[in-house]
PDB file of N, CA and C in Angstrom:
ATOM      1  N   MET A   1      35.154  31.982  58.216  1.00  0.00           N
ATOM      2  CA  MET A   1      35.107  31.928  56.776  1.00  0.00           C
ATOM      3  C   MET A   1      35.239  33.355  56.248  1.00  0.00           C
ATOM      4  N   GLU A   2      35.945  33.505  55.145  1.00  0.00           N
ATOM      5  CA  GLU A   2      36.117  34.807  54.524  1.00  0.00           C
ATOM      6  C   GLU A   2      35.513  34.815  53.134  1.00  0.00           C
ATOM      7  N   LYS A   3      35.038  35.968  52.714  1.00  0.00           N
ATOM      8  CA  LYS A   3      34.458  36.113  51.383  1.00  0.00           C
ATOM      9  C   LYS A   3      35.560  36.480  50.397  1.00  0.00           C
ATOM     10  N   THR A   4      35.459  35.932  49.180  1.00  0.00           N
ATOM     11  CA  THR A   4      36.408  36.263  48.125  1.00  0.00           C
ATOM     12  C   THR A   4      35.671  36.293  46.794  1.00  0.00           C
ATOM     13  N   GLN A   5      36.310  36.836  45.785  1.00  0.00           N
ATOM     14  CA  GLN A   5      35.730  36.878  44.452  1.00  0.00           C
ATOM     15  C   GLN A   5      36.647  36.144  43.486  1.00  0.00           C
ATOM     16  N   VAL A   6      36.032  35.487  42.510  1.00  0.00           N
ATOM     17  CA  VAL A   6      36.775  34.729  41.513  1.00  0.00           C
ATOM     18  C   VAL A   6      36.228  35.067  40.143  1.00  0.00           C
ATOM     19  N   TYR A   7      37.102  35.295  39.191  1.00  0.00           N
ATOM     20  CA  TYR A   7      36.673  35.535  37.816  1.00  0.00           C
ATOM     21  C   TYR A   7      36.656  34.215  37.068  1.00  0.00           C
ATOM     22  N   LEU A   8      35.503  33.883  36.475  1.00  0.00           N
ATOM     23  CA  LEU A   8      35.347  32.662  35.700  1.00  0.00           C
ATOM     24  C   LEU A   8      34.844  33.011  34.308  1.00  0.00           C
ATOM     25  N   ARG A   9      35.213  32.186  33.321  1.00  0.00           N
ATOM     26  CA  ARG A   9      34.648  32.360  31.984  1.00  0.00           C
ATOM     27  C   ARG A   9      33.172  32.008  32.039  1.00  0.00           C
ATOM     28  N   LYS A  10      32.395  32.506  31.088  1.00  0.00           N
ATOM     29  CA  LYS A  10      30.951  32.274  31.083  1.00  0.00           C
ATOM     30  C   LYS A  10      30.619  30.790  31.105  1.00  0.00           C
ATOM     31  N   GLU A  11      31.329  30.003  30.294  1.00  0.00           N
ATOM     32  CA  GLU A  11      31.035  28.574  30.243  1.00  0.00           C
ATOM     33  C   GLU A  11      31.396  27.858  31.542  1.00  0.00           C
ATOM     34  N   GLU A  12      32.424  28.333  32.233  1.00  0.00           N
ATOM     35  CA  GLU A  12      32.789  27.737  33.519  1.00  0.00           C
ATOM     36  C   GLU A  12      31.702  28.001  34.557  1.00  0.00           C
ATOM     37  N   LEU A  13      31.236  29.244  34.600  1.00  0.00           N
ATOM     38  CA  LEU A  13      30.193  29.595  35.554  1.00  0.00           C
ATOM     39  C   LEU A  13      28.884  28.886  35.230  1.00  0.00           C
ATOM     40  N   ALA A  14      28.570  28.769  33.952  1.00  0.00           N
ATOM     41  CA  ALA A  14      27.344  28.066  33.552  1.00  0.00           C
ATOM     42  C   ALA A  14      27.413  26.595  33.973  1.00  0.00           C
ATOM     43  N   ALA A  15      28.561  25.960  33.746  1.00  0.00           N
ATOM     44  CA  ALA A  15      28.726  24.557  34.137  1.00  0.00           C
ATOM     45  C   ALA A  15      28.646  24.407  35.652  1.00  0.00           C
ATOM     46  N   LEU A  16      29.221  25.340  36.373  1.00  0.00           N
ATOM     47  CA  LEU A  16      29.187  25.307  37.831  1.00  0.00           C
ATOM     48  C   LEU A  16      27.756  25.475  38.346  1.00  0.00           C
ATOM     49  N   ARG A  17      27.011  26.375  37.729  1.00  0.00           N
ATOM     50  CA  ARG A  17      25.610  26.582  38.134  1.00  0.00           C
ATOM     51  C   ARG A  17      24.765  25.343  37.843  1.00  0.00           C
ATOM     52  N   LYS A  18      25.004  24.695  36.700  1.00  0.00           N
ATOM     53  CA  LYS A  18      24.276  23.464  36.377  1.00  0.00           C
ATOM     54  C   LYS A  18      24.595  22.363  37.384  1.00  0.00           C
ATOM     55  N   ALA A  19      25.869  22.235  37.723  1.00  0.00           N
ATOM     56  CA  ALA A  19      26.275  21.220  38.690  1.00  0.00           C
ATOM     57  C   ALA A  19      25.649  21.500  40.060  1.00  0.00           C
ATOM     58  N   ALA A  20      25.576  22.758  40.425  1.00  0.00           N
ATOM     59  CA  ALA A  20      24.964  23.131  41.702  1.00  0.00           C
ATOM     60  C   ALA A  20      23.479  22.792  41.695  1.00  0.00           C
ATOM     61  N   ALA A  21      22.800  23.094  40.608  1.00  0.00           N
ATOM     62  CA  ALA A  21      21.366  22.800  40.507  1.00  0.00           C
ATOM     63  C   ALA A  21      21.113  21.297  40.549  1.00  0.00           C
ATOM     64  N   ARG A  22      21.947  20.529  39.840  1.00  0.00           N
ATOM     65  CA  ARG A  22      21.799  19.067  39.828  1.00  0.00           C
ATOM     66  C   ARG A  22      21.993  18.465  41.214  1.00  0.00           C
ATOM     67  N   SER A  23      22.963  18.989  41.937  1.00  0.00           N
ATOM     68  CA  SER A  23      23.323  18.395  43.226  1.00  0.00           C
ATOM     69  C   SER A  23      22.530  18.979  44.396  1.00  0.00           C
ATOM     70  N   GLY A  24      21.820  20.070  44.151  1.00  0.00           N
ATOM     71  CA  GLY A  24      21.080  20.701  45.239  1.00  0.00           C
ATOM     72  C   GLY A  24      21.973  21.438  46.211  1.00  0.00           C
ATOM     73  N   ARG A  25      23.162  21.785  45.762  1.00  0.00           N
ATOM     74  CA  ARG A  25      24.119  22.512  46.590  1.00  0.00           C
ATOM     75  C   ARG A  25      24.342  23.891  45.991  1.00  0.00           C
ATOM     76  N   SER A  26      24.931  24.779  46.744  1.00  0.00           N
ATOM     77  CA  SER A  26      25.215  26.117  46.229  1.00  0.00           C
ATOM     78  C   SER A  26      26.511  26.106  45.417  1.00  0.00           C
ATOM     79  N   VAL A  27      26.652  27.124  44.571  1.00  0.00           N
ATOM     80  CA  VAL A  27      27.888  27.290  43.803  1.00  0.00           C
ATOM     81  C   VAL A  27      29.065  27.439  44.760  1.00  0.00           C
ATOM     82  N   ALA A  28      28.879  28.231  45.803  1.00  0.00           N
ATOM     83  CA  ALA A  28      29.955  28.450  46.782  1.00  0.00           C
ATOM     84  C   ALA A  28      30.374  27.140  47.448  1.00  0.00           C
ATOM     85  N   GLU A  29      29.395  26.292  47.765  1.00  0.00           N
ATOM     86  CA  GLU A  29      29.711  25.017  48.396  1.00  0.00           C
ATOM     87  C   GLU A  29      30.511  24.121  47.462  1.00  0.00           C
ATOM     88  N   LEU A  30      30.153  24.108  46.176  1.00  0.00           N
ATOM     89  CA  LEU A  30      30.912  23.319  45.204  1.00  0.00           C
ATOM     90  C   LEU A  30      32.341  23.836  45.063  1.00  0.00           C
ATOM     91  N   VAL A  31      32.503  25.146  45.047  1.00  0.00           N
ATOM     92  CA  VAL A  31      33.850  25.733  44.926  1.00  0.00           C
ATOM     93  C   VAL A  31      34.685  25.369  46.147  1.00  0.00           C
ATOM     94  N   ARG A  32      34.095  25.509  47.350  1.00  0.00           N
ATOM     95  CA  ARG A  32      34.846  25.156  48.567  1.00  0.00           C
ATOM     96  C   ARG A  32      35.249  23.687  48.558  1.00  0.00           C
ATOM     97  N   ASP A  33      34.325  22.821  48.134  1.00  0.00           N
ATOM     98  CA  ASP A  33      34.618  21.392  48.075  1.00  0.00           C
ATOM     99  C   ASP A  33      35.740  21.104  47.080  1.00  0.00           C
ATOM    100  N   ALA A  34      35.703  21.777  45.925  1.00  0.00           N
ATOM    101  CA  ALA A  34      36.757  21.585  44.921  1.00  0.00           C
ATOM    102  C   ALA A  34      38.106  22.039  45.445  1.00  0.00           C
ATOM    103  N   VAL A  35      38.143  23.154  46.154  1.00  0.00           N
ATOM    104  CA  VAL A  35      39.408  23.641  46.726  1.00  0.00           C
ATOM    105  C   VAL A  35      39.944  22.632  47.735  1.00  0.00           C
ATOM    106  N   ARG A  36      39.066  22.096  48.564  1.00  0.00           N
ATOM    107  CA  ARG A  36      39.508  21.098  49.545  1.00  0.00           C
ATOM    108  C   ARG A  36      40.068  19.853  48.868  1.00  0.00           C
ATOM    109  N   LYS A  37      39.388  19.405  47.805  1.00  0.00           N
ATOM    110  CA  LYS A  37      39.808  18.167  47.147  1.00  0.00           C
ATOM    111  C   LYS A  37      41.053  18.327  46.293  1.00  0.00           C
ATOM    112  N   VAL A  38      41.237  19.488  45.670  1.00  0.00           N
ATOM    113  CA  VAL A  38      42.349  19.668  44.740  1.00  0.00           C
ATOM    114  C   VAL A  38      43.536  20.372  45.389  1.00  0.00           C
ATOM    115  N   VAL A  39      43.280  21.479  46.057  1.00  0.00           N
ATOM    116  CA  VAL A  39      44.379  22.272  46.615  1.00  0.00           C
ATOM    117  C   VAL A  39      44.798  21.767  47.987  1.00  0.00           C
ATOM    118  N   LEU A  40      43.827  21.437  48.806  1.00  0.00           N
ATOM    119  CA  LEU A  40      44.128  21.008  50.173  1.00  0.00           C
ATOM    120  C   LEU A  40      44.036  19.507  50.342  1.00  0.00           C
ATOM    121  N   LYS A  41      44.204  18.760  49.243  1.00  0.00           N
ATOM    122  CA  LYS A  41      44.041  17.308  49.322  1.00  0.00           C
ATOM    123  C   LYS A  41      44.986  16.731  50.369  1.00  0.00           C
ATOM    124  N   PRO A  42      44.462  15.786  51.151  1.00  0.00           N
ATOM    125  CA  PRO A  42      45.299  15.194  52.200  1.00  0.00           C
ATOM    126  C   PRO A  42      46.435  14.380  51.598  1.00  0.00           C
ATOM    127  N   GLN A  43      47.538  14.389  52.281  1.00  0.00           N
ATOM    128  CA  GLN A  43      48.684  13.588  51.866  1.00  0.00           C
ATOM    129  C   GLN A  43      48.338  12.118  52.039  1.00  0.00           C
ATOM    130  N   ALA A  44      48.856  11.304  51.165  1.00  0.00           N
ATOM    131  CA  ALA A  44      48.617   9.865  51.253  1.00  0.00           C
ATOM    132  C   ALA A  44      49.228   9.335  52.544  1.00  0.00           C
ATOM    133  N   ALA A  45      48.453   8.546  53.254  1.00  0.00           N
ATOM    134  CA  ALA A  45      48.937   7.948  54.492  1.00  0.00           C
ATOM    135  C   ALA A  45      49.407   6.530  54.185  1.00  0.00           C
ATOM    136  N   GLY A  46      50.526   6.170  54.727  1.00  0.00           N
ATOM    137  CA  GLY A  46      51.033   4.818  54.524  1.00  0.00           C
ATOM    138  C   GLY A  46      51.817   4.696  53.226  1.00  0.00           C
ATOM    139  N   PRO A  47      52.163   3.477  52.868  1.00  0.00           N
ATOM    140  CA  PRO A  47      52.967   3.274  51.661  1.00  0.00           C
ATOM    141  C   PRO A  47      52.179   3.579  50.389  1.00  0.00           C
ATOM    142  N   VAL A  48      52.889   4.107  49.425  1.00  0.00           N
ATOM    143  CA  VAL A  48      52.300   4.416  48.121  1.00  0.00           C
ATOM    144  C   VAL A  48      53.114   3.672  47.077  1.00  0.00           C
ATOM    145  N   ALA A  49      52.431   2.910  46.232  1.00  0.00           N
ATOM    146  CA  ALA A  49      53.124   2.118  45.220  1.00  0.00           C
ATOM    147  C   ALA A  49      53.181   2.880  43.899  1.00  0.00           C
ATOM    148  N   ILE A  50      54.265   2.699  43.183  1.00  0.00           N
ATOM    149  CA  ILE A  50      54.402   3.255  41.847  1.00  0.00           C
ATOM    150  C   ILE A  50      54.478   2.075  40.900  1.00  0.00           C
ATOM    151  N   TRP A  51      53.576   2.027  39.938  1.00  0.00           N
ATOM    152  CA  TRP A  51      53.490   0.883  39.043  1.00  0.00           C
ATOM    153  C   TRP A  51      53.957   1.289  37.660  1.00  0.00           C
ATOM    154  N   ASP A  52      54.773   0.455  37.045  1.00  0.00           N
ATOM    155  CA  ASP A  52      55.218   0.695  35.679  1.00  0.00           C
ATOM    156  C   ASP A  52      55.124  -0.620  34.936  1.00  0.00           C
ATOM    157  N   GLY A  53      54.290  -0.671  33.937  1.00  0.00           N
ATOM    158  CA  GLY A  53      54.159  -1.894  33.163  1.00  0.00           C
ATOM    159  C   GLY A  53      52.730  -2.394  33.127  1.00  0.00           C
ATOM    160  N   GLU A  54      52.564  -3.516  32.469  1.00  0.00           N
ATOM    161  CA  GLU A  54      51.237  -4.120  32.333  1.00  0.00           C
ATOM    162  C   GLU A  54      50.894  -4.910  33.593  1.00  0.00           C
ATOM    163  N   PRO A  55      49.649  -4.821  34.043  1.00  0.00           N
ATOM    164  CA  PRO A  55      49.263  -5.631  35.206  1.00  0.00           C
ATOM    165  C   PRO A  55      49.246  -7.118  34.840  1.00  0.00           C
ATOM    166  N   LYS A  56      49.654  -7.962  35.770  1.00  0.00           N
ATOM    167  CA  LYS A  56      49.700  -9.399  35.528  1.00  0.00           C
ATOM    168  C   LYS A  56      48.429 -10.092  36.005  1.00  0.00           C
ATOM    169  N   ARG A  57      47.700  -9.461  36.909  1.00  0.00           N
ATOM    170  CA  ARG A  57      46.464 -10.038  37.440  1.00  0.00           C
ATOM    171  C   ARG A  57      45.435  -8.923  37.632  1.00  0.00           C
ATOM    172  N   LEU A  58      44.178  -9.310  37.648  1.00  0.00           N
ATOM    173  CA  LEU A  58      43.108  -8.379  37.992  1.00  0.00           C
ATOM    174  C   LEU A  58      43.018  -8.287  39.508  1.00  0.00           C
ATOM    175  N   SER A  59      42.436  -7.235  40.009  1.00  0.00           N
ATOM    176  CA  SER A  59      42.322  -7.089  41.459  1.00  0.00           C
ATOM    177  C   SER A  59      41.501  -8.208  42.084  1.00  0.00           C
ATOM    178  N   VAL A  60      40.535  -8.751  41.335  1.00  0.00           N
ATOM    179  CA  VAL A  60      39.724  -9.848  41.885  1.00  0.00           C
ATOM    180  C   VAL A  60      40.511 -11.148  41.940  1.00  0.00           C
ATOM    181  N   GLU A  61      41.665 -11.203  41.298  1.00  0.00           N
ATOM    182  CA  GLU A  61      42.508 -12.393  41.291  1.00  0.00           C
ATOM    183  C   GLU A  61      43.721 -12.233  42.202  1.00  0.00           C
ATOM    184  N   HIS A  62      43.640 -11.329  43.161  1.00  0.00           N
ATOM    185  CA  HIS A  62      44.817 -11.019  43.975  1.00  0.00           C
ATOM    186  C   HIS A  62      45.362 -12.207  44.752  1.00  0.00           C
ATOM    187  N   ASP A  63      44.535 -13.176  45.081  1.00  0.00           N
ATOM    188  CA  ASP A  63      45.013 -14.338  45.828  1.00  0.00           C
ATOM    189  C   ASP A  63      45.755 -15.347  44.957  1.00  0.00           C
ATOM    190  N   THR A  64      45.681 -15.212  43.627  1.00  0.00           N
ATOM    191  CA  THR A  64      46.354 -16.171  42.753  1.00  0.00           C
ATOM    192  C   THR A  64      47.868 -16.107  42.880  1.00  0.00           C
ATOM    193  N   VAL A  65      48.392 -15.072  43.471  1.00  0.00           N
ATOM    194  CA  VAL A  65      49.824 -14.983  43.673  1.00  0.00           C
ATOM    195  C   VAL A  65      50.314 -16.154  44.533  1.00  0.00           C
ATOM    196  N   HIS A  66      49.450 -16.678  45.382  1.00  0.00           N
ATOM    197  CA  HIS A  66      49.823 -17.792  46.242  1.00  0.00           C
ATOM    198  C   HIS A  66      49.742 -19.126  45.503  1.00  0.00           C
ATOM    199  N   ASP A  67      49.166 -19.148  44.306  1.00  0.00           N
ATOM    200  CA  ASP A  67      49.047 -20.386  43.532  1.00  0.00           C
ATOM    201  C   ASP A  67      50.331 -20.742  42.790  1.00  0.00           C
ATOM    202  N   GLU A  68      51.187 -19.779  42.558  1.00  0.00           N
ATOM    203  CA  GLU A  68      52.421 -20.020  41.809  1.00  0.00           C
ATOM    204  C   GLU A  68      53.528 -20.466  42.748  1.00  0.00           C
ATOM    205  N   PRO A  69      54.321 -21.456  42.327  1.00  0.00           N
ATOM    206  CA  PRO A  69      55.419 -21.933  43.191  1.00  0.00           C
ATOM    207  C   PRO A  69      56.520 -20.918  43.333  1.00  0.00           C
TER     208      PRO A  69
END
């Protein structure tokens, strides 16, 4: 692990410190986690669907597709 410095606005640092206090984690740990989730996010595995339009069914009704002839 390497040390680095980041410049944040006062409100950003205050929000980060509050989030750290709420979660019981350090500011550094939250920053590392955010970098992993946003910058190093894993590529989607498997097929990825692109949806355009209004949904025709709710996810809880997914089996109703078999009800239509």
